[in-house]
Protein backbone atom coordinates (compact mmCIF):
# COMPACT_ATOMS: atom_id res chain seq x y z
CA MET A 1 160.45 138.77 87.54
CA ASN A 2 158.16 136.71 89.97
CA GLN A 3 158.75 132.81 88.70
CA ALA A 4 155.73 131.56 87.57
CA PRO A 5 153.64 129.23 89.90
CA GLN A 6 153.50 125.89 89.99
CA ALA A 7 150.47 123.86 89.25
CA PRO A 8 148.37 122.89 92.39
CA GLN A 9 149.32 118.96 93.39
CA SER A 10 146.55 118.08 96.06
CA GLU A 11 143.98 117.36 92.55
CA LYS A 12 144.57 115.94 88.55
CA PRO A 13 144.33 118.40 85.86
CA GLU A 14 140.67 118.21 84.90
CA THR A 15 139.18 118.11 81.07
CA PRO A 16 138.23 121.26 79.36
CA ASP A 17 134.35 119.52 79.42
CA THR A 18 133.98 119.32 83.44
CA PRO A 19 135.64 122.24 84.80
CA GLY A 20 135.60 122.77 89.06
CA ARG A 21 135.07 118.59 89.43
CA ARG A 22 135.06 117.42 92.81
CA ALA A 23 136.96 113.88 94.04
CA SER A 24 134.88 112.31 96.45
CA GLY A 25 136.10 113.43 99.76
CA ARG A 26 138.98 116.31 98.10
CA THR A 27 138.84 120.23 98.01
CA PRO A 28 137.34 121.81 94.43
CA LEU A 29 139.99 122.14 92.21
CA TYR A 30 139.27 125.58 91.36
CA LEU A 31 139.44 126.71 95.23
CA THR A 32 142.90 124.91 95.24
CA LEU A 33 144.03 126.76 92.67
CA ALA A 34 142.29 130.27 94.76
CA ALA A 35 144.63 129.41 97.96
CA ASP A 36 147.44 128.97 95.54
CA LEU A 37 146.98 132.99 93.45
CA ARG A 38 146.09 134.11 97.15
CA GLY A 39 149.14 133.33 98.52
CA ALA A 40 150.79 134.43 96.02
CA ILE A 41 148.86 137.93 96.10
CA THR A 42 149.32 137.96 100.08
CA ALA A 43 153.09 137.60 99.88
CA GLY A 44 153.05 140.13 97.20
CA GLU A 45 153.84 139.07 93.75
CA TYR A 46 150.97 141.03 92.29
CA GLY A 47 150.84 144.62 94.20
CA SER A 48 147.48 146.26 94.45
CA GLY A 49 146.54 147.54 90.64
CA ALA A 50 148.34 144.59 89.57
CA ARG A 51 147.51 142.53 85.96
CA LEU A 52 147.04 139.02 86.48
CA PRO A 53 147.63 137.04 84.51
CA ALA A 54 145.34 135.94 81.52
CA GLU A 55 142.88 133.58 81.60
CA ASP A 56 143.96 131.11 78.54
CA GLU A 57 147.95 131.89 80.26
CA LEU A 58 146.96 130.66 83.89
CA ALA A 59 144.87 127.46 82.60
CA ARG A 60 147.74 126.60 80.89
CA ARG A 61 150.12 126.92 83.82
CA TYR A 62 147.95 125.41 86.13
CA GLY A 63 146.84 122.60 84.09
CA VAL A 64 143.00 123.31 84.06
CA SER A 65 140.91 124.44 81.90
CA ARG A 66 139.09 127.67 81.85
CA GLY A 67 136.06 127.00 83.47
CA THR A 68 138.04 126.58 86.91
CA VAL A 69 140.16 128.96 85.58
CA ARG A 70 137.14 131.56 85.98
CA GLN A 71 135.80 129.68 89.12
CA ALA A 72 138.68 130.52 91.01
CA LEU A 73 139.30 134.45 89.93
CA ALA A 74 135.35 134.80 91.28
CA ALA A 75 136.16 132.53 94.58
CA LEU A 76 139.27 135.81 94.82
CA ARG A 77 135.96 138.78 93.98
CA THR A 78 133.71 137.55 96.24
CA ASP A 79 136.90 137.93 99.07
CA GLY A 80 137.46 141.58 98.11
CA LEU A 81 141.49 140.39 96.34
CA ILE A 82 140.30 141.46 92.87
CA THR A 83 138.46 142.53 90.04
CA SER A 84 136.70 140.80 88.15
CA ARG A 85 135.76 141.44 84.40
CA ARG A 86 135.09 138.63 81.53
CA GLY A 87 136.94 139.26 78.90
CA THR A 88 139.53 141.25 79.96
CA ARG A 89 142.79 140.73 82.79
CA ARG A 90 142.14 140.65 86.52
CA VAL A 91 143.32 143.77 88.39
CA VAL A 92 144.39 143.20 92.52
CA LEU A 93 143.25 145.12 94.28
CA ALA A 94 144.29 144.94 97.53
CA GLY A 95 147.90 143.81 98.17
CA PRO A 96 149.89 142.76 101.67
CA GLY A 97 148.47 145.34 104.30
CA GLU A 98 146.14 147.29 102.33
CA GLY A 99 142.72 146.06 104.18
CA GLY A 100 141.54 148.52 104.08
CA ALA A 101 141.33 149.57 100.73
CA VAL A 102 137.54 149.84 99.41
CA THR A 103 136.55 146.40 97.45
CA GLU A 104 133.01 144.78 96.11
CA LEU A 105 130.78 144.45 98.92
CA ARG A 106 132.15 140.88 100.57
CA SER A 107 129.64 138.54 102.25
CA PHE A 108 128.50 139.99 106.14
CA THR A 109 130.56 137.50 107.67
CA ARG A 110 133.66 138.00 105.09
CA TRP A 111 133.64 141.25 105.79
CA ALA A 112 133.60 141.02 109.75
CA ARG A 113 136.30 138.41 109.57
CA SER A 114 138.39 141.50 107.55
CA LEU A 115 137.68 143.89 110.19
CA GLY A 116 138.25 141.78 112.92
CA GLN A 117 134.82 141.56 114.35
CA ARG A 118 132.89 138.57 115.31
CA PRO A 119 130.08 137.78 112.76
CA GLY A 120 127.39 135.55 114.64
CA GLY A 121 123.65 134.99 114.30
CA ARG A 122 121.01 132.30 113.40
CA THR A 123 118.93 130.85 110.86
CA VAL A 124 115.12 132.28 111.96
CA SER A 125 113.35 130.42 109.16
CA VAL A 126 113.72 128.44 105.85
CA GLU A 127 110.75 128.30 103.92
CA GLU A 128 109.66 126.61 100.63
CA GLY A 129 107.04 128.15 98.32
CA ALA A 130 105.85 129.64 95.19
CA ALA A 131 108.29 133.11 93.41
CA ASP A 132 105.70 135.86 93.99
CA ALA A 133 106.04 138.68 90.67
CA GLU A 134 109.14 140.84 92.22
CA GLU A 135 110.55 137.14 93.30
CA ALA A 136 110.50 135.61 89.99
CA GLU A 137 111.94 139.49 88.11
CA GLN A 138 114.98 139.53 90.01
CA LEU A 139 116.04 135.69 89.68
CA ARG A 140 114.57 135.48 86.37
CA LEU A 141 112.25 132.68 87.18
CA GLU A 142 108.61 131.78 85.58
CA SER A 143 105.75 133.49 87.80
CA GLY A 144 105.15 130.65 90.76
CA ALA A 145 108.36 128.63 89.73
CA ALA A 146 109.93 127.34 93.28
CA VAL A 147 111.91 129.36 95.98
CA HIS A 148 113.82 129.44 99.27
CA ARG A 149 112.97 131.72 101.69
CA VAL A 150 115.65 132.59 105.02
CA LEU A 151 114.91 134.94 107.34
CA ARG A 152 118.17 135.37 109.06
CA LEU A 153 119.90 137.65 112.41
CA ARG A 154 123.72 138.80 111.90
CA THR A 155 125.45 139.77 114.72
CA LEU A 156 128.48 141.51 115.37
CA ALA A 157 130.44 140.57 119.36
CA GLY A 158 127.03 139.34 119.92
CA GLU A 159 124.92 142.31 119.47
CA PRO A 160 121.66 142.47 116.61
CA VAL A 161 122.73 144.72 113.36
CA MET A 162 120.85 143.38 110.58
CA VAL A 163 117.92 140.95 109.67
CA GLU A 164 118.48 139.62 106.23
CA ARG A 165 115.63 138.26 103.61
CA THR A 166 117.12 136.56 101.24
CA THR A 167 115.62 134.10 98.82
CA TYR A 168 116.86 131.62 96.51
CA PRO A 169 115.93 129.90 93.81
CA ARG A 170 115.15 126.10 94.12
CA GLU A 171 118.95 124.34 93.61
CA VAL A 172 120.63 127.00 95.58
CA GLY A 173 117.40 127.07 98.03
CA ALA A 174 117.99 123.06 98.66
CA LEU A 175 121.10 123.61 99.71
CA VAL A 176 120.79 126.31 102.16
CA ALA A 177 118.09 124.54 103.82
CA ALA A 178 119.90 121.33 104.43
CA MET A 179 122.97 123.91 106.65
CA PRO A 180 122.78 123.34 110.37
CA PRO A 181 120.72 126.46 111.49
CA ASP A 182 124.13 127.88 113.26
CA THR A 183 126.01 128.05 109.64
CA LEU A 184 127.76 131.49 109.59
CA SER A 185 128.34 132.34 105.99
CA TYR A 186 125.84 130.64 103.63
CA SER A 187 128.54 131.47 100.54
CA GLU A 188 131.06 129.85 102.01
CA GLN A 189 129.18 126.63 101.80
CA LEU A 190 127.76 126.98 98.53
CA ALA A 191 130.81 127.86 97.47
CA ARG A 192 132.10 124.09 97.95
CA HIS A 193 129.01 123.32 95.76
CA GLY A 194 130.15 125.75 93.07
CA VAL A 195 127.68 127.89 93.53
CA LEU A 196 129.88 131.10 93.68
CA PHE A 197 128.34 135.58 94.53
CA THR A 198 130.42 137.08 91.59
CA ASP A 199 128.50 140.08 90.90
CA ALA A 200 126.05 142.08 92.87
CA HIS A 201 123.58 144.89 91.60
CA HIS A 202 122.74 147.04 95.31
CA THR A 203 119.70 149.12 95.96
CA ILE A 204 120.69 151.40 99.24
CA ASP A 205 117.69 153.17 101.04
CA ILE A 206 115.49 154.07 104.43
CA ALA A 207 112.56 151.20 105.05
CA PHE A 208 110.87 151.01 108.30
CA ALA A 209 111.07 148.30 110.91
CA ASP A 210 107.92 145.42 110.83
CA ALA A 211 107.08 143.82 114.15
CA GLU A 212 109.43 141.20 113.41
CA ASP A 213 112.43 143.30 112.70
CA ALA A 214 111.62 145.22 116.29
CA ALA A 215 111.33 141.57 117.60
CA LEU A 216 114.31 140.18 116.46
CA LEU A 217 116.57 143.65 116.45
CA GLY A 218 114.86 144.98 119.56
CA CYS A 219 113.74 148.19 118.10
CA ARG A 220 110.83 150.00 118.14
CA ALA A 221 108.02 149.16 114.78
CA GLY A 222 108.14 151.90 112.92
CA GLU A 223 112.10 153.35 113.45
CA ALA A 224 114.24 154.03 110.23
CA LEU A 225 116.13 151.23 109.49
CA LEU A 226 118.98 150.73 106.09
CA ARG A 227 118.25 148.76 103.92
CA GLU A 228 119.79 147.15 101.08
CA ARG A 229 118.35 145.37 98.44
CA ARG A 230 120.61 142.93 96.51
CA ARG A 231 120.87 140.37 93.98
CA SER A 232 123.80 138.62 92.74
CA THR A 233 124.77 136.42 89.86
CA ASP A 234 127.12 133.52 89.30
CA PRO A 235 130.24 133.89 87.04
CA ALA A 236 127.35 132.92 84.23
CA GLY A 237 125.05 136.01 84.99
CA THR A 238 122.22 133.27 86.67
CA PRO A 239 121.17 135.40 89.50
CA VAL A 240 121.71 132.82 92.42
CA GLU A 241 119.96 135.32 94.86
CA TRP A 242 117.48 138.43 95.72
CA SER A 243 117.97 139.78 99.39
CA GLN A 244 116.46 142.40 101.37
CA ASP A 245 118.69 143.13 104.26
CA ARG A 246 117.63 146.09 106.96
CA TYR A 247 120.87 147.69 109.21
CA LEU A 248 120.11 149.14 112.54
CA PRO A 249 120.67 153.22 112.25
CA GLY A 250 124.25 153.20 112.96
CA THR A 251 125.58 150.45 112.79
CA VAL A 252 126.91 150.33 109.19
CA ALA A 253 127.75 152.68 105.65
CA PHE A 254 127.94 151.66 103.13
CA THR A 255 131.12 153.22 100.88
CA ALA A 256 131.18 153.99 96.80
CA HIS A 257 134.46 153.77 95.53
CA SER A 258 135.01 154.23 91.32
CA THR A 259 138.39 154.04 89.99
CA GLY A 260 137.69 152.81 86.83
CA ALA A 261 135.52 150.26 88.60
CA PHE A 262 132.95 150.71 90.43
CA ALA A 263 133.27 148.99 94.08
CA LEU A 264 131.11 149.25 97.17
CA GLY A 265 131.61 148.49 100.49
CA ARG A 266 130.87 148.43 103.99
CA ARG A 267 132.50 150.07 106.67
CA LEU A 268 131.56 149.80 110.89
CA GLY A 269 129.09 153.36 112.13
CA PRO A 270 127.34 155.32 111.09
């Protein structure tokens, strides 16, 4: 029988009405909890297919609120370690040495690192504006609500791979706008502010490179690109990004896997 994990000692237990609160200069409590659970999974305490304890049991063990537990579990799902269905016990997707398992589509930076690749890129532009009809629908905003639009070029080993066009609600976009242009992972930095990307709806099809795509990717205008349109939501189901990513052909492929829960992942190559 596994020994029950001990409550993280880096923070004092929080009150239920302040999940994931952050003391000045300290790591948010949910990240401390996530790190402890990640370590337990890596150590083999929970193998692939095993179920984690229920939210209320984890809250009791660690002396935290269920809100903090949900945030920690959402962070583990973002890392591709567990499934995450509200109201059910989470299932471990990959145990030690099982990095090849197909998991929920994670951030570009984390995905690249998981394959031993060197992710990179740069922010081309960040603009504030009024949401158009599609952005308002996808982000569940009023038409004309303030949003931030971010254009980024993503690379692997220094080679252009993908152009990322993302629209954020004003509150999330303001955090992104304050980040340095060479920030590798917005999702990692946003998590430090309590903004988590938990679930996503994906549409994958073909788009044709426009002049901007051609200039950034070094391809011809009109060339077919693999397009992924994605709306991501936080643990409460609130949309936090609407993105349209365009990949050079032959650089990545997407795979779908179903074992009771649908999962989507990337892999290198066509």
